[in-house]
């Protein structure tokens, strides 16, 4: 059954890419950078192979912080009060013909939460060290977030 859902996500993603090519939508999203012990929680979706932060689109009238907490819960099963999220940057970029503004929030829990994925939209979630992240293909949100931190493995370990 999960394989059918993944096929559905991949098919929908291809159709949306065609629509985005014509429409060039302006979108707003929110994501959470969860850091623990020098490692960052990242996810992979079923429809592309880039690492990303847990996150997604904002609902109409939804505050960015609330959207970030909701997306973290939906994608990883990790619940965090929106007030615990600290603003970590707002990034504007174009990706796949979409003009996107992403609000990124950081969270540094005392204990590493265990991510649970549905194996449908999100097929993998895990904790990676900065050098492991740097070697992988990344979404613009994750790439810009890391660049904004003057990212280097030594600095990432020192900040967390």
N, C-alpha and C. Protein backbone atom coordinates (compact mmCIF):
# COMPACT_ATOMS: atom_id res chain seq x y z
N UNK A 1 0.81 -1.19 0.00
CA UNK A 1 0.00 0.00 0.00
C UNK A 1 0.87 1.27 0.00
N UNK A 2 1.96 1.26 0.81
CA UNK A 2 2.84 2.43 0.84
C UNK A 2 3.42 2.72 -0.53
N UNK A 3 3.73 1.67 -1.29
CA UNK A 3 4.30 1.86 -2.64
C UNK A 3 3.32 2.60 -3.54
N UNK A 4 2.03 2.33 -3.40
CA UNK A 4 1.03 3.06 -4.19
C UNK A 4 0.98 4.53 -3.80
N UNK A 5 1.08 4.82 -2.52
CA UNK A 5 1.12 6.22 -2.08
C UNK A 5 2.35 6.93 -2.63
N UNK A 6 3.52 6.25 -2.58
CA UNK A 6 4.74 6.86 -3.10
C UNK A 6 4.61 7.12 -4.61
N UNK A 7 4.02 6.19 -5.33
CA UNK A 7 3.78 6.39 -6.75
C UNK A 7 2.85 7.59 -6.97
N UNK A 8 1.82 7.69 -6.15
CA UNK A 8 0.91 8.83 -6.23
C UNK A 8 1.63 10.15 -5.99
N UNK A 9 2.50 10.21 -4.98
CA UNK A 9 3.27 11.43 -4.70
C UNK A 9 4.19 11.78 -5.87
N UNK A 10 4.88 10.77 -6.43
CA UNK A 10 5.78 11.03 -7.55
C UNK A 10 5.01 11.52 -8.77
N UNK A 11 3.86 10.91 -9.04
CA UNK A 11 3.04 11.32 -10.18
C UNK A 11 2.52 12.74 -9.98
N UNK A 12 1.99 13.02 -8.80
CA UNK A 12 1.49 14.37 -8.50
C UNK A 12 2.60 15.40 -8.61
N UNK A 13 3.79 15.06 -8.17
CA UNK A 13 4.92 15.98 -8.24
C UNK A 13 5.25 16.31 -9.70
N UNK A 14 5.21 15.31 -10.57
CA UNK A 14 5.48 15.56 -12.00
C UNK A 14 4.42 16.46 -12.62
N UNK A 15 3.16 16.21 -12.28
CA UNK A 15 2.06 17.05 -12.80
C UNK A 15 2.21 18.48 -12.28
N UNK A 16 2.50 18.61 -10.99
CA UNK A 16 2.68 19.94 -10.42
C UNK A 16 3.84 20.69 -11.07
N UNK A 17 4.90 19.99 -11.39
CA UNK A 17 6.04 20.65 -12.05
C UNK A 17 5.62 21.26 -13.38
N UNK A 18 4.76 20.59 -14.10
CA UNK A 18 4.23 21.15 -15.35
C UNK A 18 3.39 22.40 -15.06
N UNK A 19 2.55 22.31 -14.06
CA UNK A 19 1.70 23.44 -13.67
C UNK A 19 2.57 24.61 -13.21
N UNK A 20 3.60 24.35 -12.43
CA UNK A 20 4.48 25.42 -11.95
C UNK A 20 5.20 26.11 -13.11
N UNK A 21 5.53 25.32 -14.14
CA UNK A 21 6.20 25.90 -15.31
C UNK A 21 5.33 26.95 -15.97
N UNK A 22 4.03 26.71 -16.01
CA UNK A 22 3.09 27.64 -16.62
C UNK A 22 2.72 28.78 -15.66
N UNK A 23 2.41 28.43 -14.45
CA UNK A 23 1.85 29.38 -13.48
C UNK A 23 2.90 30.19 -12.72
N UNK A 24 4.08 29.63 -12.48
CA UNK A 24 5.14 30.27 -11.71
C UNK A 24 4.60 30.84 -10.39
N UNK A 25 4.10 29.96 -9.53
CA UNK A 25 3.44 30.44 -8.31
C UNK A 25 4.40 31.07 -7.30
N UNK A 26 3.83 31.93 -6.47
CA UNK A 26 4.54 32.53 -5.34
C UNK A 26 4.03 31.80 -4.10
N UNK A 27 4.94 31.15 -3.37
CA UNK A 27 4.57 30.32 -2.24
C UNK A 27 5.32 30.73 -0.98
N UNK A 28 4.72 30.42 0.16
CA UNK A 28 5.38 30.63 1.44
C UNK A 28 5.36 29.34 2.22
N UNK A 29 6.49 29.05 2.87
CA UNK A 29 6.59 27.83 3.64
C UNK A 29 7.28 28.06 4.97
N UNK A 30 7.41 26.99 5.72
CA UNK A 30 8.07 27.03 7.02
C UNK A 30 8.75 25.70 7.26
N UNK A 31 9.89 25.75 7.94
CA UNK A 31 10.66 24.54 8.21
C UNK A 31 11.33 24.66 9.57
N UNK A 32 11.77 23.50 10.09
CA UNK A 32 12.43 23.47 11.39
C UNK A 32 13.79 22.80 11.25
N UNK A 33 14.81 23.48 11.76
CA UNK A 33 16.16 22.91 11.86
C UNK A 33 16.30 22.40 13.29
N UNK A 34 16.19 21.08 13.46
CA UNK A 34 16.29 20.47 14.78
C UNK A 34 17.73 19.98 14.96
N UNK A 35 18.43 20.57 15.94
CA UNK A 35 19.81 20.24 16.21
C UNK A 35 19.92 19.50 17.54
N UNK A 36 20.73 18.45 17.55
CA UNK A 36 21.04 17.76 18.80
C UNK A 36 22.43 17.16 18.69
N UNK A 37 23.27 17.49 19.65
CA UNK A 37 24.61 16.91 19.75
C UNK A 37 25.40 17.06 18.44
N UNK A 38 25.31 18.25 17.83
CA UNK A 38 26.07 18.51 16.61
C UNK A 38 25.52 17.88 15.36
N UNK A 39 24.33 17.31 15.44
CA UNK A 39 23.70 16.67 14.28
C UNK A 39 22.38 17.36 13.98
N UNK A 40 22.03 17.39 12.71
CA UNK A 40 20.81 18.03 12.24
C UNK A 40 19.83 16.98 11.74
N UNK A 41 18.57 17.14 12.09
CA UNK A 41 17.53 16.23 11.60
C UNK A 41 17.16 16.65 10.18
N UNK A 42 17.30 15.72 9.23
CA UNK A 42 16.95 15.98 7.84
C UNK A 42 16.02 14.88 7.35
N UNK A 43 15.29 15.18 6.27
CA UNK A 43 14.34 14.23 5.70
C UNK A 43 14.57 14.09 4.20
N UNK A 44 14.06 12.99 3.66
CA UNK A 44 13.99 12.76 2.21
C UNK A 44 12.55 12.43 1.87
N UNK A 45 12.06 13.02 0.78
CA UNK A 45 10.71 12.72 0.35
C UNK A 45 10.72 11.60 -0.70
N UNK A 46 9.55 11.10 -1.00
CA UNK A 46 9.43 10.03 -1.99
C UNK A 46 9.52 10.56 -3.42
N UNK A 47 9.47 11.88 -3.60
CA UNK A 47 9.40 12.43 -4.95
C UNK A 47 10.66 13.15 -5.41
N UNK A 48 11.67 13.33 -4.55
CA UNK A 48 12.98 13.78 -5.02
C UNK A 48 14.05 13.34 -4.03
N UNK A 49 15.28 13.33 -4.51
CA UNK A 49 16.38 12.72 -3.73
C UNK A 49 17.21 13.72 -2.95
N UNK A 50 16.73 14.93 -2.77
CA UNK A 50 17.50 15.93 -2.03
C UNK A 50 17.17 15.87 -0.55
N UNK A 51 18.17 16.11 0.29
CA UNK A 51 17.92 16.24 1.72
C UNK A 51 17.22 17.56 1.97
N UNK A 52 16.36 17.58 2.98
CA UNK A 52 15.61 18.79 3.29
C UNK A 52 15.38 18.86 4.79
N UNK A 53 15.01 20.04 5.25
CA UNK A 53 14.54 20.19 6.62
C UNK A 53 13.08 19.77 6.66
N UNK A 54 12.60 19.27 7.80
CA UNK A 54 11.16 19.01 7.90
C UNK A 54 10.42 20.34 7.74
N UNK A 55 9.50 20.37 6.82
CA UNK A 55 8.77 21.61 6.57
C UNK A 55 7.85 21.48 5.40
N UNK A 56 7.17 22.57 5.09
CA UNK A 56 6.24 22.57 3.97
C UNK A 56 5.51 23.90 3.89
N UNK A 57 4.41 23.88 3.17
CA UNK A 57 3.66 25.10 2.92
C UNK A 57 2.87 25.59 4.12
N UNK A 58 2.67 26.90 4.13
CA UNK A 58 1.83 27.53 5.16
C UNK A 58 0.39 27.54 4.70
N UNK A 59 -0.51 27.27 5.64
CA UNK A 59 -1.93 27.38 5.34
C UNK A 59 -2.36 28.84 5.33
N UNK A 60 -3.47 29.12 4.70
CA UNK A 60 -3.98 30.50 4.63
C UNK A 60 -4.20 31.01 6.05
N UNK A 61 -3.58 32.14 6.37
CA UNK A 61 -3.73 32.74 7.69
C UNK A 61 -2.92 32.08 8.79
N UNK A 62 -2.15 31.04 8.46
CA UNK A 62 -1.35 30.33 9.46
C UNK A 62 -0.04 31.07 9.70
N UNK A 63 0.31 31.26 10.95
CA UNK A 63 1.58 31.91 11.30
C UNK A 63 2.74 30.99 10.93
N UNK A 64 3.87 31.56 10.49
CA UNK A 64 5.01 30.72 10.10
C UNK A 64 5.46 29.76 11.21
N UNK A 65 5.52 30.23 12.44
CA UNK A 65 5.97 29.38 13.55
C UNK A 65 5.01 28.20 13.75
N UNK A 66 3.72 28.47 13.67
CA UNK A 66 2.72 27.40 13.81
C UNK A 66 2.80 26.42 12.65
N UNK A 67 3.05 26.93 11.45
CA UNK A 67 3.19 26.06 10.28
C UNK A 67 4.42 25.16 10.42
N UNK A 68 5.50 25.72 10.92
CA UNK A 68 6.73 24.93 11.11
C UNK A 68 6.50 23.81 12.11
N UNK A 69 5.85 24.11 13.23
CA UNK A 69 5.58 23.08 14.24
C UNK A 69 4.65 22.01 13.68
N UNK A 70 3.63 22.42 12.91
CA UNK A 70 2.70 21.47 12.30
C UNK A 70 3.41 20.56 11.32
N UNK A 71 4.25 21.14 10.46
CA UNK A 71 4.97 20.34 9.47
C UNK A 71 5.95 19.37 10.12
N UNK A 72 6.62 19.80 11.18
CA UNK A 72 7.53 18.90 11.90
C UNK A 72 6.75 17.70 12.42
N UNK A 73 5.59 17.94 12.99
CA UNK A 73 4.76 16.85 13.50
C UNK A 73 4.28 15.95 12.36
N UNK A 74 3.79 16.53 11.27
CA UNK A 74 3.27 15.74 10.15
C UNK A 74 4.36 14.88 9.50
N UNK A 75 5.55 15.43 9.37
CA UNK A 75 6.60 14.72 8.63
C UNK A 75 7.45 13.78 9.47
N UNK A 76 7.55 14.05 10.78
CA UNK A 76 8.45 13.24 11.60
C UNK A 76 7.78 12.68 12.85
N UNK A 77 6.56 13.09 13.15
CA UNK A 77 5.89 12.66 14.37
C UNK A 77 6.43 13.34 15.62
N UNK A 78 7.28 14.34 15.45
CA UNK A 78 7.88 15.04 16.59
C UNK A 78 7.04 16.28 16.90
N UNK A 79 6.59 16.35 18.13
CA UNK A 79 5.75 17.47 18.55
C UNK A 79 6.58 18.48 19.34
N UNK A 80 6.43 19.73 18.97
CA UNK A 80 7.13 20.82 19.67
C UNK A 80 6.15 21.98 19.78
N UNK A 81 6.11 22.65 20.94
CA UNK A 81 5.27 23.84 21.04
C UNK A 81 5.84 24.93 20.13
N UNK A 82 5.00 25.60 19.35
CA UNK A 82 5.52 26.65 18.47
C UNK A 82 6.39 27.68 19.19
N UNK A 83 6.07 27.99 20.45
CA UNK A 83 6.85 28.98 21.20
C UNK A 83 8.29 28.54 21.43
N UNK A 84 8.58 27.24 21.32
CA UNK A 84 9.95 26.74 21.53
C UNK A 84 10.83 26.94 20.29
N UNK A 85 10.22 27.30 19.17
CA UNK A 85 10.97 27.48 17.93
C UNK A 85 11.55 28.89 17.85
N UNK A 86 12.83 28.98 17.53
CA UNK A 86 13.53 30.26 17.45
C UNK A 86 13.73 30.62 15.99
N UNK A 87 13.38 31.84 15.57
CA UNK A 87 13.60 32.23 14.17
C UNK A 87 15.08 32.06 13.78
N UNK A 88 15.29 31.43 12.62
CA UNK A 88 16.66 31.17 12.16
C UNK A 88 16.90 31.72 10.76
N UNK A 89 15.90 32.37 10.18
CA UNK A 89 16.10 32.99 8.88
C UNK A 89 14.88 32.91 8.00
N UNK A 90 14.81 33.85 7.08
CA UNK A 90 13.77 33.86 6.04
C UNK A 90 14.51 33.89 4.72
N UNK A 91 14.22 32.91 3.87
CA UNK A 91 14.98 32.73 2.64
C UNK A 91 14.05 32.80 1.44
N UNK A 92 14.46 33.61 0.46
CA UNK A 92 13.71 33.74 -0.80
C UNK A 92 14.55 33.13 -1.91
N UNK A 93 13.89 32.32 -2.74
CA UNK A 93 14.60 31.66 -3.84
C UNK A 93 13.60 31.16 -4.86
N UNK A 94 14.11 30.76 -6.02
CA UNK A 94 13.30 30.10 -7.04
C UNK A 94 13.74 28.65 -7.11
N UNK A 95 12.75 27.76 -7.19
CA UNK A 95 13.03 26.33 -7.32
C UNK A 95 11.90 25.71 -8.13
N UNK A 96 12.25 25.05 -9.19
CA UNK A 96 11.28 24.36 -10.05
C UNK A 96 10.17 25.31 -10.49
N UNK A 97 10.57 26.52 -10.88
CA UNK A 97 9.65 27.56 -11.39
C UNK A 97 8.74 28.16 -10.32
N UNK A 98 8.99 27.84 -9.06
CA UNK A 98 8.21 28.43 -7.97
C UNK A 98 9.05 29.52 -7.31
N UNK A 99 8.40 30.62 -6.96
CA UNK A 99 9.06 31.68 -6.19
C UNK A 99 8.66 31.46 -4.74
N UNK A 100 9.63 31.12 -3.91
CA UNK A 100 9.35 30.64 -2.56
C UNK A 100 10.00 31.55 -1.52
N UNK A 101 9.26 31.79 -0.44
CA UNK A 101 9.81 32.39 0.77
C UNK A 101 9.63 31.37 1.87
N UNK A 102 10.73 30.90 2.44
CA UNK A 102 10.69 29.92 3.52
C UNK A 102 11.15 30.56 4.82
N UNK A 103 10.37 30.35 5.86
CA UNK A 103 10.69 30.78 7.21
C UNK A 103 11.27 29.57 7.93
N UNK A 104 12.51 29.67 8.38
CA UNK A 104 13.16 28.56 9.06
C UNK A 104 13.31 28.90 10.54
N UNK A 105 12.99 27.92 11.36
CA UNK A 105 13.09 28.05 12.81
C UNK A 105 14.04 26.97 13.32
N UNK A 106 14.75 27.28 14.38
CA UNK A 106 15.67 26.31 14.99
C UNK A 106 15.09 25.83 16.31
N UNK A 107 15.42 24.59 16.64
CA UNK A 107 15.03 24.00 17.92
C UNK A 107 16.17 23.11 18.37
N UNK A 108 16.54 23.23 19.64
CA UNK A 108 17.63 22.47 20.23
C UNK A 108 17.09 21.69 21.44
N UNK A 109 16.44 20.54 21.20
CA UNK A 109 15.88 19.78 22.33
C UNK A 109 16.99 19.19 23.21
N UNK A 110 16.67 19.02 24.48
CA UNK A 110 17.63 18.44 25.43
C UNK A 110 17.95 16.98 25.09
N UNK A 111 16.94 16.25 24.67
CA UNK A 111 17.09 14.85 24.25
C UNK A 111 16.76 14.75 22.76
N UNK A 112 17.43 13.86 22.05
CA UNK A 112 17.16 13.68 20.62
C UNK A 112 15.83 12.97 20.43
N UNK A 113 14.84 13.65 19.84
CA UNK A 113 13.59 12.96 19.56
C UNK A 113 13.78 11.93 18.45
N UNK A 114 12.99 10.89 18.51
CA UNK A 114 13.09 9.83 17.50
C UNK A 114 12.08 10.13 16.39
N UNK A 115 12.57 10.37 15.17
CA UNK A 115 11.64 10.65 14.07
C UNK A 115 10.93 9.38 13.59
N UNK A 116 9.65 9.53 13.31
CA UNK A 116 8.84 8.46 12.73
C UNK A 116 8.32 8.96 11.39
N UNK A 117 8.53 8.19 10.33
CA UNK A 117 8.08 8.62 9.01
C UNK A 117 6.99 7.69 8.51
N UNK A 118 6.16 8.23 7.62
CA UNK A 118 5.03 7.45 7.11
C UNK A 118 5.41 6.50 5.98
N UNK A 119 6.64 6.65 5.43
CA UNK A 119 7.12 5.85 4.29
C UNK A 119 6.27 6.08 3.04
N UNK A 120 5.51 7.16 3.05
CA UNK A 120 4.70 7.53 1.89
C UNK A 120 5.25 8.82 1.30
N UNK A 121 4.97 9.95 1.94
CA UNK A 121 5.58 11.21 1.47
C UNK A 121 7.03 11.29 1.95
N UNK A 122 7.24 11.08 3.23
CA UNK A 122 8.59 11.10 3.80
C UNK A 122 9.06 9.65 3.90
N UNK A 123 10.16 9.36 3.19
CA UNK A 123 10.64 7.98 3.17
C UNK A 123 11.82 7.75 4.09
N UNK A 124 12.42 8.83 4.56
CA UNK A 124 13.56 8.69 5.46
C UNK A 124 13.73 9.97 6.28
N UNK A 125 14.06 9.82 7.54
CA UNK A 125 14.43 10.95 8.40
C UNK A 125 15.54 10.46 9.31
N UNK A 126 16.52 11.31 9.51
CA UNK A 126 17.61 10.91 10.38
C UNK A 126 18.50 12.07 10.75
N UNK A 127 19.39 11.78 11.68
CA UNK A 127 20.33 12.77 12.21
C UNK A 127 21.64 12.63 11.46
N UNK A 128 22.10 13.71 10.86
CA UNK A 128 23.35 13.68 10.13
C UNK A 128 24.30 14.74 10.67
N UNK A 129 25.57 14.39 10.64
CA UNK A 129 26.62 15.34 11.00
C UNK A 129 26.78 16.34 9.85
N UNK A 130 27.27 17.52 10.14
CA UNK A 130 27.42 18.54 9.10
C UNK A 130 28.22 18.09 7.89
N UNK A 131 29.29 17.32 8.08
CA UNK A 131 30.07 16.88 6.93
C UNK A 131 29.28 15.89 6.06
N UNK A 132 28.39 15.11 6.65
CA UNK A 132 27.55 14.19 5.88
C UNK A 132 26.52 14.98 5.06
N UNK A 133 26.01 16.04 5.63
CA UNK A 133 25.03 16.87 4.93
C UNK A 133 25.69 17.57 3.74
N UNK A 134 26.88 18.11 3.96
CA UNK A 134 27.57 18.87 2.93
C UNK A 134 27.86 18.03 1.69
N UNK A 135 27.98 16.73 1.85
CA UNK A 135 28.32 15.85 0.73
C UNK A 135 27.10 15.39 -0.06
N UNK A 136 25.89 15.75 0.37
CA UNK A 136 24.66 15.25 -0.26
C UNK A 136 23.97 16.35 -1.08
N UNK A 137 23.09 15.95 -2.01
CA UNK A 137 22.28 16.95 -2.71
C UNK A 137 21.28 17.55 -1.71
N UNK A 138 21.11 18.89 -1.76
CA UNK A 138 20.28 19.59 -0.80
C UNK A 138 19.21 20.43 -1.49
N UNK A 139 18.11 20.63 -0.80
CA UNK A 139 17.10 21.58 -1.29
C UNK A 139 17.62 22.99 -1.08
N UNK A 140 17.07 23.97 -1.80
CA UNK A 140 17.51 25.35 -1.58
C UNK A 140 17.33 25.81 -0.13
N UNK A 141 16.24 25.41 0.52
CA UNK A 141 16.02 25.84 1.90
C UNK A 141 17.15 25.38 2.80
N UNK A 142 17.51 24.11 2.72
CA UNK A 142 18.58 23.58 3.57
C UNK A 142 19.92 24.21 3.21
N UNK A 143 20.20 24.35 1.93
CA UNK A 143 21.46 24.95 1.48
C UNK A 143 21.58 26.40 1.98
N UNK A 144 20.52 27.19 1.82
CA UNK A 144 20.56 28.59 2.25
C UNK A 144 20.63 28.71 3.77
N UNK A 145 19.93 27.85 4.47
CA UNK A 145 19.99 27.87 5.94
C UNK A 145 21.41 27.60 6.41
N UNK A 146 22.04 26.57 5.87
CA UNK A 146 23.40 26.23 6.27
C UNK A 146 24.37 27.36 5.91
N UNK A 147 24.20 27.95 4.74
CA UNK A 147 25.07 29.05 4.33
C UNK A 147 24.89 30.25 5.25
N UNK A 148 23.70 30.48 5.73
CA UNK A 148 23.43 31.64 6.61
C UNK A 148 24.13 31.48 7.95
N UNK A 149 24.43 30.27 8.32
CA UNK A 149 25.11 29.99 9.58
C UNK A 149 26.63 30.03 9.40
N UNK A 150 27.09 30.50 8.23
CA UNK A 150 28.51 30.43 7.90
C UNK A 150 28.97 29.00 8.19
N UNK A 151 28.26 28.08 7.61
CA UNK A 151 28.34 26.66 7.90
C UNK A 151 29.74 26.09 7.68
N UNK A 152 30.18 25.43 8.69
CA UNK A 152 31.34 24.56 8.60
C UNK A 152 31.14 23.50 9.67
N UNK A 153 31.67 22.31 9.50
CA UNK A 153 31.47 21.28 10.52
C UNK A 153 31.90 21.72 11.92
N UNK A 154 33.01 22.43 12.03
CA UNK A 154 33.49 22.86 13.35
C UNK A 154 32.54 23.86 13.98
N UNK A 155 32.05 24.83 13.18
CA UNK A 155 31.12 25.83 13.72
C UNK A 155 29.80 25.19 14.10
N UNK A 156 29.32 24.25 13.31
CA UNK A 156 28.04 23.60 13.63
C UNK A 156 28.14 22.85 14.95
N UNK A 157 29.25 22.15 15.17
CA UNK A 157 29.41 21.41 16.44
C UNK A 157 29.50 22.39 17.61
N UNK A 158 30.17 23.51 17.41
CA UNK A 158 30.35 24.48 18.51
C UNK A 158 29.04 25.16 18.86
N UNK A 159 28.12 25.32 17.92
CA UNK A 159 26.87 26.03 18.17
C UNK A 159 25.81 25.17 18.79
N UNK A 160 25.96 23.87 18.72
CA UNK A 160 24.89 23.01 19.22
C UNK A 160 25.24 22.42 20.56
